[in-house]
Amino acid sequence: LAVESVEVIETNRIGKVEPGEELTAKVRS
């Protein structure tokens, strides 16, 4: 089940993303 990457489509952005910002993500609620 281990996944290293995903393709994300139809993306939406809220506000700016600053260069070098450390990002996290949730793939389930």
PDB file of all heavy atoms in Angstrom:
ATOM      1  N   LEU A   1       0.815  -1.217   0.000  1.00  0.00           N
ATOM      2  CA  LEU A   1       0.000   0.000   0.000  1.00  0.00           C
ATOM      3  C   LEU A   1       0.848   1.266   0.000  1.00  0.00           C
ATOM      4  O   LEU A   1       0.330   2.368  -0.196  1.00  0.00           O
ATOM      5  CB  LEU A   1      -0.914   0.025   1.234  1.00  0.00           C
ATOM      6  CG  LEU A   1      -2.123  -0.899   1.231  1.00  0.00           C
ATOM      7  CD1 LEU A   1      -2.778  -0.901   2.606  1.00  0.00           C
ATOM      8  CD2 LEU A   1      -3.135  -0.448   0.175  1.00  0.00           C
ATOM      9  N   ALA A   2       2.152   1.129   0.223  1.00  0.00           N
ATOM     10  CA  ALA A   2       3.025   2.296   0.337  1.00  0.00           C
ATOM     11  C   ALA A   2       3.079   3.064  -0.973  1.00  0.00           C
ATOM     12  O   ALA A   2       3.367   2.509  -2.036  1.00  0.00           O
ATOM     13  CB  ALA A   2       4.425   1.865   0.767  1.00  0.00           C
ATOM     14  N   VAL A   3       2.804   4.355  -0.910  1.00  0.00           N
ATOM     15  CA  VAL A   3       2.782   5.231  -2.082  1.00  0.00           C
ATOM     16  C   VAL A   3       3.824   6.324  -1.908  1.00  0.00           C
ATOM     17  O   VAL A   3       3.955   6.907  -0.831  1.00  0.00           O
ATOM     18  CB  VAL A   3       1.373   5.855  -2.258  1.00  0.00           C
ATOM     19  CG1 VAL A   3       1.387   6.990  -3.266  1.00  0.00           C
ATOM     20  CG2 VAL A   3       0.377   4.786  -2.664  1.00  0.00           C
ATOM     21  N   GLU A   4       4.577   6.598  -2.971  1.00  0.00           N
ATOM     22  CA  GLU A   4       5.603   7.637  -2.892  1.00  0.00           C
ATOM     23  C   GLU A   4       5.153   8.961  -3.497  1.00  0.00           C
ATOM     24  O   GLU A   4       5.654  10.028  -3.129  1.00  0.00           O
ATOM     25  CB  GLU A   4       6.892   7.177  -3.568  1.00  0.00           C
ATOM     26  CG  GLU A   4       6.767   6.930  -5.064  1.00  0.00           C
ATOM     27  CD  GLU A   4       8.081   6.476  -5.684  1.00  0.00           C
ATOM     28  OE1 GLU A   4       8.987   6.087  -4.900  1.00  0.00           O
ATOM     29  OE2 GLU A   4       8.211   6.504  -6.921  1.00  0.00           O
ATOM     30  N   SER A   5       4.184   8.916  -4.429  1.00  0.00           N
ATOM     31  CA  SER A   5       3.704  10.149  -5.038  1.00  0.00           C
ATOM     32  C   SER A   5       2.312   9.934  -5.616  1.00  0.00           C
ATOM     33  O   SER A   5       1.877   8.794  -5.830  1.00  0.00           O
ATOM     34  CB  SER A   5       4.657  10.629  -6.143  1.00  0.00           C
ATOM     35  OG  SER A   5       4.659   9.720  -7.228  1.00  0.00           O
ATOM     36  N   VAL A   6       1.618  11.048  -5.852  1.00  0.00           N
ATOM     37  CA  VAL A   6       0.297  11.000  -6.459  1.00  0.00           C
ATOM     38  C   VAL A   6       0.191  12.106  -7.503  1.00  0.00           C
ATOM     39  O   VAL A   6       0.835  13.148  -7.398  1.00  0.00           O
ATOM     40  CB  VAL A   6      -0.841  11.178  -5.425  1.00  0.00           C
ATOM     41  CG1 VAL A   6      -0.876  10.025  -4.458  1.00  0.00           C
ATOM     42  CG2 VAL A   6      -0.711  12.490  -4.683  1.00  0.00           C
ATOM     43  N   GLU A   7      -0.610  11.868  -8.522  1.00  0.00           N
ATOM     44  CA  GLU A   7      -0.944  12.920  -9.478  1.00  0.00           C
ATOM     45  C   GLU A   7      -2.240  13.563  -9.016  1.00  0.00           C
ATOM     46  O   GLU A   7      -3.247  12.875  -8.801  1.00  0.00           O
ATOM     47  CB  GLU A   7      -1.109  12.370 -10.884  1.00  0.00           C
ATOM     48  CG  GLU A   7      -1.421  13.466 -11.903  1.00  0.00           C
ATOM     49  CD  GLU A   7      -1.601  12.947 -13.312  1.00  0.00           C
ATOM     50  OE1 GLU A   7      -1.454  11.723 -13.522  1.00  0.00           O
ATOM     51  OE2 GLU A   7      -1.899  13.763 -14.207  1.00  0.00           O
ATOM     52  N   VAL A   8      -2.214  14.869  -8.841  1.00  0.00           N
ATOM     53  CA  VAL A   8      -3.367  15.621  -8.352  1.00  0.00           C
ATOM     54  C   VAL A   8      -3.879  16.502  -9.488  1.00  0.00           C
ATOM     55  O   VAL A   8      -3.114  17.274 -10.078  1.00  0.00           O
ATOM     56  CB  VAL A   8      -2.983  16.494  -7.136  1.00  0.00           C
ATOM     57  CG1 VAL A   8      -4.206  17.193  -6.564  1.00  0.00           C
ATOM     58  CG2 VAL A   8      -2.329  15.626  -6.058  1.00  0.00           C
ATOM     59  N   ILE A   9      -5.163  16.390  -9.793  1.00  0.00           N
ATOM     60  CA  ILE A   9      -5.736  17.118 -10.923  1.00  0.00           C
ATOM     61  C   ILE A   9      -6.771  18.144 -10.441  1.00  0.00           C
ATOM     62  O   ILE A   9      -7.187  18.128  -9.296  1.00  0.00           O
ATOM     63  CB  ILE A   9      -6.394  16.147 -11.925  1.00  0.00           C
ATOM     64  CG1 ILE A   9      -7.563  15.391 -11.269  1.00  0.00           C
ATOM     65  CG2 ILE A   9      -5.367  15.151 -12.479  1.00  0.00           C
ATOM     66  CD1 ILE A   9      -8.386  14.558 -12.252  1.00  0.00           C
ATOM     67  N   GLU A  10      -7.139  19.041 -11.366  1.00  0.00           N
ATOM     68  CA  GLU A  10      -8.173  20.046 -11.112  1.00  0.00           C
ATOM     69  C   GLU A  10      -7.877  20.834  -9.834  1.00  0.00           C
ATOM     70  O   GLU A  10      -8.743  21.032  -8.985  1.00  0.00           O
ATOM     71  CB  GLU A  10      -9.561  19.393 -11.014  1.00  0.00           C
ATOM     72  CG  GLU A  10      -9.977  18.643 -12.263  1.00  0.00           C
ATOM     73  CD  GLU A  10     -11.309  17.919 -12.090  1.00  0.00           C
ATOM     74  OE1 GLU A  10     -12.103  18.329 -11.218  1.00  0.00           O
ATOM     75  OE2 GLU A  10     -11.533  16.942 -12.827  1.00  0.00           O
ATOM     76  N   THR A  11      -6.647  21.307  -9.701  1.00  0.00           N
ATOM     77  CA  THR A  11      -6.232  21.935  -8.453  1.00  0.00           C
ATOM     78  C   THR A  11      -6.781  23.353  -8.291  1.00  0.00           C
ATOM     79  O   THR A  11      -6.998  24.075  -9.260  1.00  0.00           O
ATOM     80  CB  THR A  11      -4.700  21.980  -8.318  1.00  0.00           C
ATOM     81  OG1 THR A  11      -4.150  22.777  -9.366  1.00  0.00           O
ATOM     82  CG2 THR A  11      -4.120  20.571  -8.353  1.00  0.00           C
ATOM     83  N   ASN A  12      -6.987  23.717  -7.037  1.00  0.00           N
ATOM     84  CA  ASN A  12      -7.405  25.064  -6.645  1.00  0.00           C
ATOM     85  C   ASN A  12      -6.391  25.616  -5.666  1.00  0.00           C
ATOM     86  O   ASN A  12      -5.841  24.882  -4.844  1.00  0.00           O
ATOM     87  CB  ASN A  12      -8.784  25.019  -5.972  1.00  0.00           C
ATOM     88  CG  ASN A  12      -9.241  26.387  -5.504  1.00  0.00           C
ATOM     89  OD1 ASN A  12      -9.426  27.301  -6.289  1.00  0.00           O
ATOM     90  ND2 ASN A  12      -9.432  26.547  -4.198  1.00  0.00           N
ATOM     91  N   ARG A  13      -6.119  26.924  -5.759  1.00  0.00           N
ATOM     92  CA  ARG A  13      -5.198  27.554  -4.816  1.00  0.00           C
ATOM     93  C   ARG A  13      -5.904  28.693  -4.104  1.00  0.00           C
ATOM     94  O   ARG A  13      -6.679  29.441  -4.713  1.00  0.00           O
ATOM     95  CB  ARG A  13      -3.962  28.097  -5.528  1.00  0.00           C
ATOM     96  CG  ARG A  13      -2.879  28.592  -4.570  1.00  0.00           C
ATOM     97  CD  ARG A  13      -1.701  29.237  -5.280  1.00  0.00           C
ATOM     98  NE  ARG A  13      -2.054  30.567  -5.791  1.00  0.00           N
ATOM     99  CZ  ARG A  13      -2.161  30.880  -7.075  1.00  0.00           C
ATOM    100  NH1 ARG A  13      -1.950  29.949  -7.996  1.00  0.00           N
ATOM    101  NH2 ARG A  13      -2.474  32.101  -7.466  1.00  0.00           N
ATOM    102  N   ILE A  14      -5.644  28.829  -2.803  1.00  0.00           N
ATOM    103  CA  ILE A  14      -6.181  29.927  -2.009  1.00  0.00           C
ATOM    104  C   ILE A  14      -4.997  30.764  -1.528  1.00  0.00           C
ATOM    105  O   ILE A  14      -4.146  30.275  -0.788  1.00  0.00           O
ATOM    106  CB  ILE A  14      -6.984  29.413  -0.800  1.00  0.00           C
ATOM    107  CG1 ILE A  14      -8.085  28.446  -1.247  1.00  0.00           C
ATOM    108  CG2 ILE A  14      -7.588  30.576  -0.024  1.00  0.00           C
ATOM    109  CD1 ILE A  14      -8.790  27.736  -0.100  1.00  0.00           C
ATOM    110  N   GLY A  15      -4.929  32.014  -1.916  1.00  0.00           N
ATOM    111  CA  GLY A  15      -3.822  32.867  -1.503  1.00  0.00           C
ATOM    112  C   GLY A  15      -2.527  32.519  -2.224  1.00  0.00           C
ATOM    113  O   GLY A  15      -2.501  31.748  -3.186  1.00  0.00           O
ATOM    114  N   LYS A  16      -1.433  33.085  -1.742  1.00  0.00           N
ATOM    115  CA  LYS A  16      -0.131  32.883  -2.363  1.00  0.00           C
ATOM    116  C   LYS A  16       0.625  31.722  -1.724  1.00  0.00           C
ATOM    117  O   LYS A  16       0.377  31.376  -0.577  1.00  0.00           O
ATOM    118  CB  LYS A  16       0.722  34.153  -2.219  1.00  0.00           C
ATOM    119  CG  LYS A  16       0.186  35.373  -2.950  1.00  0.00           C
ATOM    120  CD  LYS A  16       1.078  36.572  -2.694  1.00  0.00           C
ATOM    121  CE  LYS A  16       0.576  37.811  -3.438  1.00  0.00           C
ATOM    122  NZ  LYS A  16       1.419  39.002  -3.159  1.00  0.00           N
ATOM    123  N   VAL A  17       1.516  31.130  -2.502  1.00  0.00           N
ATOM    124  CA  VAL A  17       2.452  30.143  -1.968  1.00  0.00           C
ATOM    125  C   VAL A  17       3.833  30.768  -2.054  1.00  0.00           C
ATOM    126  O   VAL A  17       4.328  31.072  -3.141  1.00  0.00           O
ATOM    127  CB  VAL A  17       2.415  28.828  -2.766  1.00  0.00           C
ATOM    128  CG1 VAL A  17       3.397  27.821  -2.177  1.00  0.00           C
ATOM    129  CG2 VAL A  17       1.013  28.257  -2.788  1.00  0.00           C
ATOM    130  N   GLU A  18       4.444  31.018  -0.915  1.00  0.00           N
ATOM    131  CA  GLU A  18       5.746  31.670  -0.881  1.00  0.00           C
ATOM    132  C   GLU A  18       6.852  30.675  -1.249  1.00  0.00           C
ATOM    133  O   GLU A  18       6.791  29.498  -0.874  1.00  0.00           O
ATOM    134  CB  GLU A  18       6.016  32.251   0.510  1.00  0.00           C
ATOM    135  CG  GLU A  18       5.008  33.291   0.961  1.00  0.00           C
ATOM    136  CD  GLU A  18       4.991  34.524   0.079  1.00  0.00           C
ATOM    137  OE1 GLU A  18       6.028  34.790  -0.582  1.00  0.00           O
ATOM    138  OE2 GLU A  18       3.956  35.213   0.043  1.00  0.00           O
ATOM    139  N   PRO A  19       7.860  31.120  -1.987  1.00  0.00           N
ATOM    140  CA  PRO A  19       8.985  30.231  -2.326  1.00  0.00           C
ATOM    141  C   PRO A  19       9.630  29.662  -1.069  1.00  0.00           C
ATOM    142  O   PRO A  19       9.871  30.387  -0.103  1.00  0.00           O
ATOM    143  CB  PRO A  19       9.955  31.170  -3.069  1.00  0.00           C
ATOM    144  CG  PRO A  19       9.101  32.281  -3.585  1.00  0.00           C
ATOM    145  CD  PRO A  19       8.016  32.471  -2.560  1.00  0.00           C
ATOM    146  N   GLY A  20       9.866  28.383  -1.088  1.00  0.00           N
ATOM    147  CA  GLY A  20      10.529  27.747   0.039  1.00  0.00           C
ATOM    148  C   GLY A  20       9.629  27.392   1.209  1.00  0.00           C
ATOM    149  O   GLY A  20      10.108  26.864   2.221  1.00  0.00           O
ATOM    150  N   GLU A  21       8.318  27.673   1.109  1.00  0.00           N
ATOM    151  CA  GLU A  21       7.406  27.310   2.201  1.00  0.00           C
ATOM    152  C   GLU A  21       7.380  25.802   2.381  1.00  0.00           C
ATOM    153  O   GLU A  21       7.309  25.046   1.411  1.00  0.00           O
ATOM    154  CB  GLU A  21       5.984  27.811   1.920  1.00  0.00           C
ATOM    155  CG  GLU A  21       5.703  29.209   2.388  1.00  0.00           C
ATOM    156  CD  GLU A  21       4.213  29.538   2.352  1.00  0.00           C
ATOM    157  OE1 GLU A  21       3.635  29.522   1.256  1.00  0.00           O
ATOM    158  OE2 GLU A  21       3.645  29.822   3.424  1.00  0.00           O
ATOM    159  N   GLU A  22       7.417  25.374   3.630  1.00  0.00           N
ATOM    160  CA  GLU A  22       7.299  23.952   3.913  1.00  0.00           C
ATOM    161  C   GLU A  22       5.837  23.552   3.863  1.00  0.00           C
ATOM    162  O   GLU A  22       5.004  24.130   4.569  1.00  0.00           O
ATOM    163  CB  GLU A  22       7.902  23.633   5.287  1.00  0.00           C
ATOM    164  CG  GLU A  22       9.400  23.853   5.354  1.00  0.00           C
ATOM    165  CD  GLU A  22       9.985  23.421   6.682  1.00  0.00           C
ATOM    166  OE1 GLU A  22       9.215  22.983   7.567  1.00  0.00           O
ATOM    167  OE2 GLU A  22      11.225  23.510   6.827  1.00  0.00           O
ATOM    168  N   LEU A  23       5.525  22.579   3.035  1.00  0.00           N
ATOM    169  CA  LEU A  23       4.147  22.193   2.796  1.00  0.00           C
ATOM    170  C   LEU A  23       3.858  20.808   3.376  1.00  0.00           C
ATOM    171  O   LEU A  23       4.733  19.942   3.432  1.00  0.00           O
ATOM    172  CB  LEU A  23       3.844  22.187   1.296  1.00  0.00           C
ATOM    173  CG  LEU A  23       4.081  23.498   0.542  1.00  0.00           C
ATOM    174  CD1 LEU A  23       3.780  23.305  -0.942  1.00  0.00           C
ATOM    175  CD2 LEU A  23       3.239  24.620   1.126  1.00  0.00           C
ATOM    176  N   THR A  24       2.605  20.626   3.795  1.00  0.00           N
ATOM    177  CA  THR A  24       2.109  19.320   4.209  1.00  0.00           C
ATOM    178  C   THR A  24       0.816  19.048   3.452  1.00  0.00           C
ATOM    179  O   THR A  24       0.245  19.948   2.833  1.00  0.00           O
ATOM    180  CB  THR A  24       1.847  19.252   5.722  1.00  0.00           C
ATOM    181  OG1 THR A  24       0.854  20.228   6.059  1.00  0.00           O
ATOM    182  CG2 THR A  24       3.117  19.512   6.514  1.00  0.00           C
ATOM    183  N   ALA A  25       0.348  17.810   3.508  1.00  0.00           N
ATOM    184  CA  ALA A  25      -0.902  17.472   2.822  1.00  0.00           C
ATOM    185  C   ALA A  25      -1.642  16.374   3.567  1.00  0.00           C
ATOM    186  O   ALA A  25      -1.029  15.539   4.243  1.00  0.00           O
ATOM    187  CB  ALA A  25      -0.627  17.026   1.380  1.00  0.00           C
ATOM    188  N   LYS A  26      -2.960  16.410   3.435  1.00  0.00           N
ATOM    189  CA  LYS A  26      -3.827  15.337   3.921  1.00  0.00           C
ATOM    190  C   LYS A  26      -4.446  14.656   2.704  1.00  0.00           C
ATOM    191  O   LYS A  26      -4.948  15.333   1.799  1.00  0.00           O
ATOM    192  CB  LYS A  26      -4.942  15.905   4.801  1.00  0.00           C
ATOM    193  CG  LYS A  26      -4.473  16.475   6.128  1.00  0.00           C
ATOM    194  CD  LYS A  26      -5.593  17.153   6.892  1.00  0.00           C
ATOM    195  CE  LYS A  26      -6.686  16.185   7.309  1.00  0.00           C
ATOM    196  NZ  LYS A  26      -7.660  16.795   8.226  1.00  0.00           N
ATOM    197  N   VAL A  27      -4.432  13.333   2.686  1.00  0.00           N
ATOM    198  CA  VAL A  27      -5.024  12.601   1.570  1.00  0.00           C
ATOM    199  C   VAL A  27      -6.297  11.861   1.988  1.00  0.00           C
ATOM    200  O   VAL A  27      -6.897  11.153   1.192  1.00  0.00           O
ATOM    201  CB  VAL A  27      -4.016  11.611   0.948  1.00  0.00           C
ATOM    202  CG1 VAL A  27      -2.881  12.372   0.267  1.00  0.00           C
ATOM    203  CG2 VAL A  27      -3.464  10.666   2.009  1.00  0.00           C
ATOM    204  N   ARG A  28      -6.692  12.042   3.243  1.00  0.00           N
ATOM    205  CA  ARG A  28      -7.969  11.563   3.760  1.00  0.00           C
ATOM    206  C   ARG A  28      -8.414  12.558   4.818  1.00  0.00           C
ATOM    207  O   ARG A  28      -7.579  13.207   5.463  1.00  0.00           O
ATOM    208  CB  ARG A  28      -7.840  10.157   4.388  1.00  0.00           C
ATOM    209  CG  ARG A  28      -7.471   9.066   3.417  1.00  0.00           C
ATOM    210  CD  ARG A  28      -7.235   7.731   4.131  1.00  0.00           C
ATOM    211  NE  ARG A  28      -6.203   7.821   5.168  1.00  0.00           N
ATOM    212  CZ  ARG A  28      -4.906   7.825   4.922  1.00  0.00           C
ATOM    213  NH1 ARG A  28      -4.455   7.749   3.691  1.00  0.00           N
ATOM    214  NH2 ARG A  28      -4.039   7.913   5.919  1.00  0.00           N
ATOM    215  N   SER A  29      -9.694  12.654   5.031  1.00  0.00           N
ATOM    216  CA  SER A  29     -10.193  13.683   5.942  1.00  0.00           C
ATOM    217  C   SER A  29      -9.675  13.512   7.364  1.00  0.00           C
ATOM    218  O   SER A  29      -9.435  14.496   8.064  1.00  0.00           O
ATOM    219  CB  SER A  29     -11.724  13.684   5.945  1.00  0.00           C
ATOM    220  OG  SER A  29     -12.239  12.440   6.411  1.00  0.00           O
TER     221      SER A  29
END
